[in-house]
Protein backbone atom coordinates (compact mmCIF):
# COMPACT_ATOMS: atom_id res chain seq x y z
CA MET A 1 -46.69 -8.37 29.42
CA SER A 2 -43.60 -6.20 30.71
CA ILE A 3 -40.18 -6.32 28.56
CA THR A 4 -36.95 -4.54 30.32
CA TYR A 5 -33.58 -4.36 28.67
CA LYS A 6 -30.25 -3.11 29.94
CA ILE A 7 -26.60 -2.97 28.32
CA VAL A 8 -24.44 -5.59 30.47
CA LEU A 9 -21.03 -6.67 30.69
CA ILE A 10 -19.82 -10.31 30.12
CA LYS A 11 -17.43 -13.09 31.07
CA ALA A 12 -14.54 -11.88 30.08
CA ASP A 13 -12.00 -13.87 27.52
CA LYS A 14 -8.88 -15.08 28.25
CA ALA A 15 -7.14 -11.63 27.28
CA GLY A 16 -9.31 -9.80 29.38
CA ASN A 17 -11.63 -7.95 27.10
CA TRP A 18 -15.10 -7.61 28.43
CA PRO A 19 -18.21 -8.30 25.30
CA VAL A 20 -20.24 -6.07 25.32
CA TYR A 21 -24.52 -7.49 25.25
CA LEU A 22 -28.04 -6.13 25.18
CA ARG A 23 -30.20 -8.35 28.35
CA ILE A 24 -33.55 -8.40 27.32
CA THR A 25 -36.08 -9.48 29.68
CA SER A 26 -39.61 -10.88 28.89
CA GLN A 27 -41.82 -13.21 30.69
CA ARG A 28 -39.12 -13.92 33.42
CA LYS A 29 -36.89 -15.38 30.83
CA GLN A 30 -33.60 -13.50 29.71
CA VAL A 31 -31.76 -13.87 26.14
CA TYR A 32 -28.79 -11.68 25.14
CA VAL A 33 -28.54 -9.85 21.83
CA SER A 34 -24.51 -8.83 21.06
CA SER A 35 -23.53 -6.26 19.72
CA GLY A 36 -19.96 -6.85 18.65
CA VAL A 37 -18.44 -4.43 20.97
CA ILE A 38 -15.62 -5.60 22.79
CA VAL A 39 -13.83 -3.65 25.76
CA PRO A 40 -11.43 -4.08 28.67
CA GLU A 41 -12.84 -3.82 31.83
CA ALA A 42 -11.49 -0.56 32.69
CA PHE A 43 -12.98 1.31 29.85
CA TRP A 44 -16.70 0.33 31.07
CA ASN A 45 -18.73 2.83 32.95
CA ALA A 46 -20.24 0.95 35.77
CA LYS A 47 -22.35 3.58 36.50
CA ALA A 48 -23.76 4.59 33.02
CA ASP A 49 -26.66 6.30 31.92
CA PRO A 50 -28.53 4.59 29.33
CA MET A 51 -30.34 8.44 28.94
CA ARG A 52 -26.45 9.91 28.29
CA ALA A 53 -25.45 6.64 25.76
CA ASN A 54 -22.43 6.42 28.21
CA TRP A 55 -21.43 3.06 28.53
CA ILE A 56 -17.74 3.59 27.07
CA ARG A 57 -15.66 6.01 29.22
CA SER A 58 -14.88 8.32 26.64
CA THR A 59 -10.99 8.02 26.66
CA HIS A 60 -11.66 4.28 24.64
CA PRO A 61 -10.37 5.46 20.89
CA GLN A 62 -13.53 4.09 20.41
CA ALA A 63 -16.07 4.89 22.55
CA LYS A 64 -17.80 7.48 19.83
CA LEU A 65 -18.99 4.50 17.47
CA PHE A 66 -19.37 1.85 20.50
CA ASN A 67 -21.75 3.50 22.47
CA SER A 68 -23.66 4.29 18.89
CA ARG A 69 -24.11 0.87 18.29
CA LEU A 70 -25.41 0.05 21.94
CA GLU A 71 -27.35 3.49 22.03
CA THR A 72 -29.41 1.97 18.89
CA LEU A 73 -29.85 -1.52 20.18
CA GLN A 74 -31.72 0.02 23.05
CA GLN A 75 -33.45 2.08 21.49
CA ASP A 76 -34.89 -0.61 18.89
CA ALA A 77 -36.03 -2.91 21.99
CA ARG A 78 -37.13 0.14 23.62
CA ALA A 79 -39.89 0.70 20.57
CA LEU A 80 -40.50 -2.94 21.06
CA ALA A 81 -41.42 -3.11 24.08
CA LEU A 82 -43.78 0.44 23.84
CA ASP A 83 -45.66 -0.73 20.61
CA GLY A 84 -48.00 -3.34 23.09
CA ILE A 85 -47.80 -5.86 21.02
CA PRO A 86 -46.69 -9.30 23.56
CA ARG A 87 -44.22 -10.82 22.57
CA THR A 88 -41.50 -13.49 24.16
CA ALA A 89 -37.79 -12.42 24.72
CA ALA A 90 -36.67 -14.69 22.12
CA GLU A 91 -38.62 -12.61 19.66
CA VAL A 92 -37.81 -9.56 20.68
CA LYS A 93 -34.24 -10.42 20.55
CA ARG A 94 -35.14 -11.64 16.83
CA LEU A 95 -36.35 -8.20 15.68
CA VAL A 96 -33.28 -6.33 16.97
CA GLU A 97 -30.91 -8.68 15.42
CA VAL A 98 -33.17 -9.08 11.72
CA LYS A 99 -33.13 -4.83 12.22
CA ASN A 100 -29.32 -4.47 12.60
CA GLY A 101 -28.34 -7.17 10.90
CA ILE A 102 -26.52 -9.48 13.27
CA GLY A 103 -26.58 -12.63 12.54
CA GLN A 104 -26.31 -12.31 9.14
CA GLY A 105 -22.36 -10.76 8.86
CA ILE A 106 -23.60 -7.39 9.51
CA ALA A 107 -23.04 -5.58 12.51
CA HIS A 108 -23.76 -1.62 12.11
CA ALA A 109 -25.63 0.64 14.54
CA GLY A 110 -28.58 2.07 12.76
CA ILE A 111 -29.80 1.51 9.12
CA GLN A 112 -28.83 -1.13 6.97
CA PRO A 113 -25.01 -0.19 5.66
CA THR A 114 -24.79 1.00 1.59
CA ALA A 115 -21.76 2.53 0.19
CA SER A 116 -24.27 6.13 0.25
CA THR A 117 -24.13 6.08 3.89
CA ASP A 118 -21.20 4.27 5.10
CA PHE A 119 -17.24 4.97 4.07
CA LEU A 120 -16.27 1.12 4.48
CA CYS A 121 -19.03 0.18 2.11
CA TYR A 122 -18.03 2.63 -0.46
CA PHE A 123 -14.54 1.80 0.15
CA THR A 124 -14.90 -1.89 -1.17
CA GLU A 125 -16.77 -0.99 -3.69
CA GLU A 126 -14.09 1.39 -4.52
CA ILE A 127 -11.88 -1.24 -4.41
CA ALA A 128 -14.50 -3.33 -6.72
CA ARG A 129 -14.55 -1.06 -9.47
CA ARG A 130 -10.68 -0.55 -9.63
CA SER A 131 -10.23 -4.16 -9.88
CA LYS A 132 -11.67 -4.31 -13.25
CA GLY A 133 -10.17 -1.55 -14.80
CA GLY A 134 -7.12 -0.10 -11.97
CA HIS A 135 -4.04 -0.69 -11.67
CA PRO A 136 -3.31 -4.06 -9.81
CA ARG A 137 -1.05 -2.47 -7.06
CA SER A 138 -3.17 0.48 -6.48
CA VAL A 139 -6.04 -2.26 -5.94
CA GLU A 140 -3.36 -4.32 -3.64
CA LYS A 141 -2.66 -0.90 -1.50
CA LEU A 142 -6.10 -0.32 -1.05
CA ALA A 143 -7.12 -4.04 0.03
CA CYS A 144 -4.59 -3.26 2.11
CA ILE A 145 -5.58 -0.02 3.69
CA LEU A 146 -9.37 -1.07 4.47
CA HIS A 147 -8.19 -4.20 6.24
CA LYS A 148 -5.92 -2.15 8.60
CA ILE A 149 -9.04 0.63 9.11
CA GLN A 150 -11.10 -3.13 9.91
CA ASP A 151 -8.69 -4.14 12.29
CA PHE A 152 -8.52 -0.67 13.27
CA LEU A 153 -12.68 -0.35 14.32
CA ALA A 154 -12.98 -3.66 15.54
CA PRO A 155 -12.61 -5.54 19.22
CA PRO A 156 -9.07 -6.66 20.11
CA ARG A 157 -8.79 -10.36 18.39
CA ASP A 158 -9.41 -13.02 20.82
CA PRO A 159 -6.50 -15.28 21.21
CA GLY A 160 -8.65 -18.42 20.78
CA GLN A 161 -10.46 -16.95 18.07
CA SER A 162 -10.34 -18.09 14.08
CA ALA A 163 -8.98 -16.70 10.95
CA ALA A 164 -12.23 -17.26 9.70
CA ALA A 165 -14.07 -15.77 12.54
CA ARG A 166 -11.43 -12.82 12.97
CA ALA A 167 -11.90 -11.87 9.03
CA ALA A 168 -16.16 -12.22 9.83
CA GLN A 169 -15.42 -9.84 12.03
CA LEU A 170 -13.62 -7.43 10.49
CA ALA A 171 -15.83 -7.36 7.34
CA ALA A 172 -18.67 -6.52 9.97
CA GLN A 173 -16.95 -3.34 11.05
CA ARG A 174 -18.92 0.01 9.63
CA LEU A 175 -18.13 3.69 9.59
CA PRO A 176 -20.93 6.22 9.05
CA PHE A 177 -20.00 9.03 6.73
CA THR A 178 -20.94 10.91 9.54
CA GLU A 179 -18.26 9.39 11.77
CA LEU A 180 -15.60 9.73 9.26
CA THR A 181 -14.14 13.40 11.17
CA ALA A 182 -10.27 14.65 11.54
CA ARG A 183 -10.66 13.00 14.82
CA TRP A 184 -10.94 9.72 13.76
CA LEU A 185 -8.07 10.40 11.22
CA ARG A 186 -6.20 11.37 14.29
CA GLU A 187 -6.96 8.62 16.07
CA TYR A 188 -6.09 6.41 13.06
CA VAL A 189 -2.68 7.67 12.80
CA THR A 190 -1.94 6.96 16.44
CA TYR A 191 -2.88 3.51 15.46
CA LEU A 192 -1.01 3.09 13.10
CA GLU A 193 2.33 4.72 14.85
CA ALA A 194 1.40 2.19 17.53
CA ARG A 195 1.90 -0.50 14.78
CA GLY A 196 5.04 0.52 14.23
CA ASN A 197 4.44 2.29 10.90
CA LYS A 198 7.22 4.32 9.29
CA ASP A 199 5.75 8.25 8.97
CA SER A 200 6.22 8.44 5.44
CA THR A 201 4.29 4.82 5.27
CA ILE A 202 1.59 6.35 7.17
CA GLN A 203 1.53 9.66 4.85
CA LYS A 204 1.09 7.33 2.05
CA GLU A 205 -1.75 5.70 3.32
CA LEU A 206 -3.80 8.88 4.15
CA SER A 207 -3.22 10.21 0.93
CA PHE A 208 -5.16 7.03 -0.49
CA ILE A 209 -7.46 7.68 2.52
CA LYS A 210 -7.78 11.20 0.84
CA THR A 211 -8.75 10.10 -2.78
CA ILE A 212 -11.28 7.95 -1.48
CA VAL A 213 -12.79 10.57 0.38
CA ARG A 214 -13.05 13.00 -2.41
CA ARG A 215 -13.80 10.44 -4.61
CA ALA A 216 -16.99 10.58 -2.67
CA ILE A 217 -17.55 13.87 -2.19
CA GLU A 218 -17.68 14.19 -5.97
CA ASP A 219 -20.63 11.12 -6.07
CA GLU A 220 -22.42 13.34 -3.99
CA TYR A 221 -22.52 10.89 -0.45
CA LEU A 222 -20.46 13.43 1.68
CA ALA A 223 -20.33 17.29 1.36
CA VAL A 224 -17.51 19.08 0.53
CA GLY A 225 -17.49 20.61 3.90
CA LYS A 226 -17.60 17.16 5.80
CA SER A 227 -14.50 16.34 4.65
CA PRO A 228 -12.18 14.93 7.72
CA PHE A 229 -9.09 16.62 5.34
CA LYS A 230 -10.55 19.90 5.52
CA TYR A 231 -8.99 20.19 9.06
CA LEU A 232 -6.14 17.48 9.14
CA LYS A 233 -3.31 18.21 6.47
CA ILE A 234 -0.77 15.47 5.29
CA ARG A 235 2.29 16.98 6.60
CA GLU A 236 4.88 16.58 3.85
CA VAL A 237 7.89 13.89 4.91
CA ALA A 238 10.89 14.61 3.34
CA ALA A 239 12.96 11.71 1.95
CA GLY A 240 15.95 9.98 2.89
CA PRO A 241 19.32 10.94 1.23
CA LYS A 242 19.04 9.12 -2.27
CA VAL A 243 22.31 6.56 -2.81
CA LYS A 244 24.04 7.71 -5.93
CA LEU A 245 27.08 5.97 -7.19
CA THR A 246 29.97 7.84 -8.41
CA GLN A 247 31.62 7.66 -11.46
CA ALA A 248 34.85 5.22 -9.77
CA GLN A 249 32.23 3.09 -7.74
CA ILE A 250 30.48 1.96 -11.18
CA THR A 251 33.49 1.37 -13.05
CA ARG A 252 34.29 -1.35 -9.74
CA LEU A 253 31.16 -2.53 -10.21
CA GLU A 254 31.92 -3.47 -13.68
CA GLU A 255 35.19 -4.71 -13.12
CA LEU A 256 34.03 -7.08 -10.31
CA VAL A 257 34.92 -11.02 -10.08
CA LEU A 258 31.68 -12.12 -9.15
CA PRO A 259 31.60 -15.84 -8.66
CA ALA A 260 29.30 -18.33 -10.24
CA HIS A 261 26.98 -20.45 -8.48
CA ARG A 262 28.27 -23.71 -7.63
CA TYR A 263 25.06 -25.31 -7.50
CA SER A 264 23.51 -24.04 -11.02
CA ARG A 265 23.39 -25.39 -14.23
CA LYS A 266 24.24 -21.84 -16.02
CA ALA A 267 27.32 -20.19 -16.82
CA TYR A 268 26.34 -16.99 -14.08
CA SER A 269 25.34 -16.63 -11.03
CA THR A 270 22.48 -14.66 -9.81
CA GLN A 271 24.73 -12.33 -8.09
CA GLN A 272 26.36 -11.73 -11.63
CA LEU A 273 22.92 -10.89 -13.43
CA ALA A 274 21.98 -8.48 -10.40
CA ARG A 275 24.97 -6.42 -11.37
CA GLU A 276 23.86 -6.85 -15.27
CA VAL A 277 19.90 -5.13 -14.53
CA TRP A 278 21.83 -2.33 -12.43
CA LEU A 279 24.51 -1.48 -15.16
CA LEU A 280 21.44 -1.89 -18.27
CA GLN A 281 19.36 0.50 -15.66
CA TYR A 282 21.95 3.08 -15.66
CA TYR A 283 23.12 2.89 -19.05
CA LEU A 284 19.22 3.13 -20.45
CA LEU A 285 19.06 6.51 -19.39
CA GLY A 286 18.38 5.89 -15.68
CA SER A 287 15.55 3.33 -16.77
CA ARG A 288 13.28 1.88 -13.78
CA VAL A 289 14.28 -1.95 -12.81
CA GLY A 290 10.46 -2.72 -14.34
CA ASP A 291 11.32 -2.29 -17.59
CA VAL A 292 14.37 -3.22 -17.45
CA LEU A 293 13.29 -6.74 -17.01
CA THR A 294 10.64 -6.71 -20.14
CA LEU A 295 12.95 -5.14 -22.21
CA ARG A 296 12.87 -8.14 -25.30
CA TRP A 297 15.82 -8.32 -27.97
CA GLY A 298 13.16 -7.17 -30.74
CA ALA A 299 13.67 -4.00 -29.05
CA VAL A 300 17.54 -3.77 -28.89
CA GLY A 301 18.20 -2.34 -32.58
CA ALA A 302 22.12 -1.77 -34.46
CA ASP A 303 22.15 2.40 -32.63
CA THR A 304 19.71 2.65 -30.51
CA VAL A 305 17.44 0.40 -27.52
CA ARG A 306 13.71 1.73 -28.60
CA PHE A 307 11.14 1.11 -25.94
CA TYR A 308 7.46 2.21 -23.91
CA GLU A 309 7.98 3.06 -20.56
CA GLN A 310 5.41 1.33 -18.57
CA LYS A 311 5.10 4.11 -15.81
CA THR A 312 5.09 6.79 -18.02
CA ASN A 313 3.83 4.91 -21.84
CA LYS A 314 6.56 7.24 -23.14
CA LEU A 315 9.09 6.51 -25.55
CA LYS A 316 12.08 5.81 -24.14
CA VAL A 317 15.43 5.77 -27.26
CA ALA A 318 18.82 5.15 -25.52
CA PRO A 319 21.78 5.28 -27.75
CA ARG A 320 23.73 2.18 -28.07
CA HIS A 321 27.87 3.21 -26.93
CA GLU A 322 30.59 0.69 -25.65
CA GLN A 323 29.72 0.18 -22.10
CA LEU A 324 26.07 -0.54 -23.35
CA ASN A 325 26.83 -3.28 -25.94
CA ALA A 326 29.55 -4.53 -23.60
CA VAL A 327 26.42 -5.18 -21.21
CA LEU A 328 24.44 -6.40 -23.28
CA ALA A 329 26.91 -9.09 -25.16
CA ARG A 330 27.26 -10.70 -21.66
CA LEU A 331 23.52 -10.84 -21.36
CA ALA A 332 23.09 -12.16 -24.86
CA ALA A 333 25.35 -15.07 -23.80
CA MET A 334 23.57 -15.83 -20.81
CA CYS A 335 20.35 -16.44 -22.78
CA SER A 336 19.37 -20.46 -23.27
CA GLN A 337 18.67 -19.22 -27.05
CA GLN A 338 21.59 -18.61 -29.02
CA PRO A 339 20.86 -16.24 -31.02
CA PRO A 340 17.92 -14.91 -28.79
CA ARG A 341 15.28 -14.14 -30.74
CA PRO A 342 13.08 -11.28 -30.79
CA GLN A 343 10.55 -12.89 -28.50
CA ASP A 344 13.05 -13.49 -25.90
CA PHE A 345 13.71 -11.04 -22.78
CA VAL A 346 16.97 -9.50 -22.15
CA ILE A 347 17.25 -10.37 -18.16
CA PRO A 348 17.26 -14.06 -18.28
CA LEU A 349 14.60 -13.87 -15.04
CA SER A 350 12.12 -13.57 -17.70
CA ARG A 351 10.85 -16.38 -20.28
CA ALA A 352 9.05 -15.94 -23.17
CA GLU A 353 7.11 -19.05 -23.18
CA ALA A 354 5.89 -17.58 -19.56
CA ALA A 355 2.21 -17.35 -19.11
CA TYR A 356 3.12 -13.87 -18.06
CA ALA A 357 4.46 -12.89 -21.46
CA GLN A 358 1.60 -13.67 -23.65
CA TYR A 359 0.97 -10.16 -24.68
CA PRO A 360 1.96 -8.49 -28.53
CA PRO A 361 5.44 -6.65 -27.05
CA ALA A 362 4.81 -3.64 -29.13
CA LEU A 363 2.04 -3.70 -27.70
CA ASP A 364 1.03 0.28 -25.81
CA TRP A 365 0.97 -0.16 -22.37
CA ARG A 366 -2.28 1.62 -21.54
CA LEU A 367 -4.03 -0.63 -24.36
CA PHE A 368 -2.11 -3.68 -22.31
CA ALA A 369 -3.98 -2.76 -19.10
CA ARG A 370 -6.99 -1.73 -20.28
CA LEU A 371 -7.86 -4.13 -22.68
CA PRO A 372 -9.68 -6.94 -20.85
CA ALA A 373 -8.40 -9.89 -22.48
CA HIS A 374 -4.98 -8.87 -21.70
CA ARG A 375 -5.89 -7.62 -17.98
CA ALA A 376 -5.44 -11.16 -16.31
CA THR A 377 -1.67 -11.48 -18.26
CA TRP A 378 -1.22 -7.93 -17.31
CA GLY A 379 -1.58 -8.92 -13.22
CA LEU A 380 0.97 -12.18 -13.61
CA LEU A 381 3.59 -9.69 -15.38
CA LEU A 382 3.34 -7.53 -12.23
CA SER A 383 3.51 -10.04 -9.85
CA HIS A 384 6.68 -11.53 -11.39
CA ILE A 385 8.13 -8.06 -11.50
CA GLY A 386 7.64 -8.04 -8.11
CA SER A 387 9.18 -10.85 -7.41
CA SER A 388 12.43 -10.63 -9.49
CA THR A 389 12.93 -6.96 -8.42
CA ALA A 390 12.77 -8.38 -5.11
CA VAL A 391 15.67 -11.41 -5.99
CA ILE A 392 18.10 -8.67 -7.30
CA ASN A 393 17.58 -6.39 -4.85
CA GLY A 394 19.12 -9.38 -2.27
CA LYS A 395 21.72 -9.76 -4.51
CA LEU A 396 23.00 -5.95 -4.52
CA LYS A 397 22.97 -6.41 -1.45
CA GLU A 398 25.34 -8.75 -1.29
CA ILE A 399 27.12 -6.72 -3.68
CA ALA A 400 27.08 -3.28 -1.77
CA PRO A 401 29.59 -3.84 0.62
CA MET A 402 32.19 -4.98 -2.60
CA LEU A 403 31.72 -1.23 -3.66
CA GLY A 404 32.57 -0.06 0.07
CA LEU A 405 28.31 0.48 0.64
CA ALA A 406 26.07 -0.88 3.32
CA THR A 407 24.31 -3.19 2.61
CA GLU A 408 21.13 -1.46 2.17
CA ARG A 409 21.94 1.55 -0.01
CA LEU A 410 22.39 -0.63 -3.25
CA THR A 411 19.12 -1.30 -4.87
CA THR A 412 17.67 -1.00 -8.35
CA HIS A 413 16.48 2.23 -8.40
CA THR A 414 19.49 3.97 -7.35
CA ALA A 415 20.73 3.45 -10.75
CA ARG A 416 17.98 5.65 -11.70
CA HIS A 417 19.73 8.72 -8.99
CA SER A 418 23.20 7.47 -10.02
CA PHE A 419 22.28 8.14 -13.69
CA ALA A 420 20.55 11.72 -12.85
CA ASN A 421 23.88 12.41 -10.53
CA MET A 422 26.19 12.04 -13.36
CA GLY A 423 24.03 13.74 -15.67
CA ARG A 424 24.53 17.06 -13.49
CA LEU A 425 27.58 16.52 -12.86
CA ALA A 426 27.97 16.66 -16.48
CA GLY A 427 26.57 20.08 -16.86
CA ILE A 428 23.30 19.01 -18.34
CA PRO A 429 20.28 20.96 -17.61
CA ALA A 430 17.75 19.67 -15.10
CA ALA A 431 14.91 20.27 -18.34
CA HIS A 432 16.88 17.90 -20.20
CA MET A 433 17.76 15.63 -17.87
CA ARG A 434 13.62 15.57 -16.84
CA ASP A 435 13.29 14.47 -20.99
CA MET A 436 15.63 11.30 -20.44
CA LEU A 437 14.10 10.32 -17.65
CA ASN A 438 10.86 10.93 -18.16
CA HIS A 439 9.95 12.71 -15.69
CA HIS A 440 6.53 14.77 -15.44
CA SER A 441 7.54 17.94 -14.29
CA VAL A 442 11.62 19.47 -13.93
CA ALA A 443 10.66 19.42 -10.67
CA GLN A 444 11.10 16.03 -9.84
CA THR A 445 14.31 15.98 -11.64
CA GLU A 446 15.47 18.70 -9.66
CA ALA A 447 14.53 16.62 -6.45
CA TYR A 448 16.76 13.90 -7.45
CA PHE A 449 19.83 16.90 -7.71
CA GLY A 450 18.55 18.34 -4.63
CA GLU A 451 20.87 16.25 -2.06
CA LEU A 452 23.93 17.04 -4.43
CA LYS A 453 23.58 20.46 -3.60
CA THR A 454 22.86 20.16 0.16
CA GLU A 455 26.78 18.54 0.25
CA GLU A 456 28.48 20.93 -2.08
CA VAL A 457 26.68 23.71 0.25
CA SER A 458 28.58 22.10 3.06
CA GLU A 459 32.41 21.36 1.44
CA TRP A 460 32.08 25.22 0.52
CA ALA A 461 31.07 25.69 4.02
CA LEU A 462 34.24 23.63 5.24
CA LYS A 463 36.74 25.86 3.21
CA ILE A 464 35.44 29.11 4.69
CA TYR A 465 35.87 27.74 7.76
CA GLN A 466 39.07 25.73 7.51
CA LYS A 467 42.41 27.33 8.76
CA PRO A 468 45.35 28.58 6.43
CA SER A 469 48.23 26.48 6.12
CA ASP A 470 51.54 28.04 7.93
């Protein structure tokens, strides 16, 4: 009883993409095994040589991966045809599918994938590990990158395909460590560029992938010499110019008469609150917005404001002065409790009674992040900080034109750059500014000064070329 097999195309879908199947013929009956490969007809090699495994033309970005899958299906069918055991076409199909995990949510060319053999399996396990002890935002970023890689590897989505079917198709994608090469990375970068990702976004994502690759090397799943980053360097992407408000603009911001919200029962508008958040960041030695949003009145002393930063876990002590006192007085008047309680947040966008606030205010941030009892609360808090920051930045866009700035040029983080700028103008050494900003190195602080130095060079150059007045 003979068994024949052949890699063939089946009817194209609505988008013009053709699914590729392994056709098995036995006892004059034919069955088809789905390979999971779908390609436009232009990439199909009608004169393919089964011994060369070149069904998908090399011009296709995933030709190597797809041909490898098809070759494995063909080899499995060939082995069954040569073992001398009589089987029906349906039996051969079932055995091929079982070996390749088809029908179980797994479509992989070769052995059953594990974290030790497949990069995406390892990537998934790393996300699960970080979900238990890493930073939630890093977990979200890694999950987003994994989804992009799966989308890159998967066939184009059928317009009639359901979301659940597409999700299953993405989860079924595999990337053996043997195929994680510099060429693959370059093709992935091309894919990201085609999707409209900025250079800075692409380089950040490559840095995340490099971290996962490095960890796989540490776990001895990938040899050091096999790292795709050995031949592909992550280029530095110069950051755009940082917006730094001048003293005149800061004074103007303080003096702006902002209208109250006509539909709000509160005595202030969100626009007014956004202004106070920016000023509080500036006067608390260029603090990050997350630290300002989680600042409680218990941290406000008679002479100083003392709190631990979320990012660095370093203590920040900001002296109270006339301008800071004015901001704190206006924020105190916005609080629903009069006078504000120590557990109340200085910025009234946050509420002490909310689920995200149920943690000891004086708890060390690193312990807060690691203690299992508070991990869920930490996730809620980070989500709240993100949504609140979006609201504030939206209102700062409305304020920007009042200061002579483009709408996208005023954000919460400009308060930090503006503080560093003023420090440099005051002649404060970068080493001292590093301590006030709680940077890890002077180089970080000097990066905040860089554009100003360039501007000064330009000003001096203009003076050189300026013609003397008659």
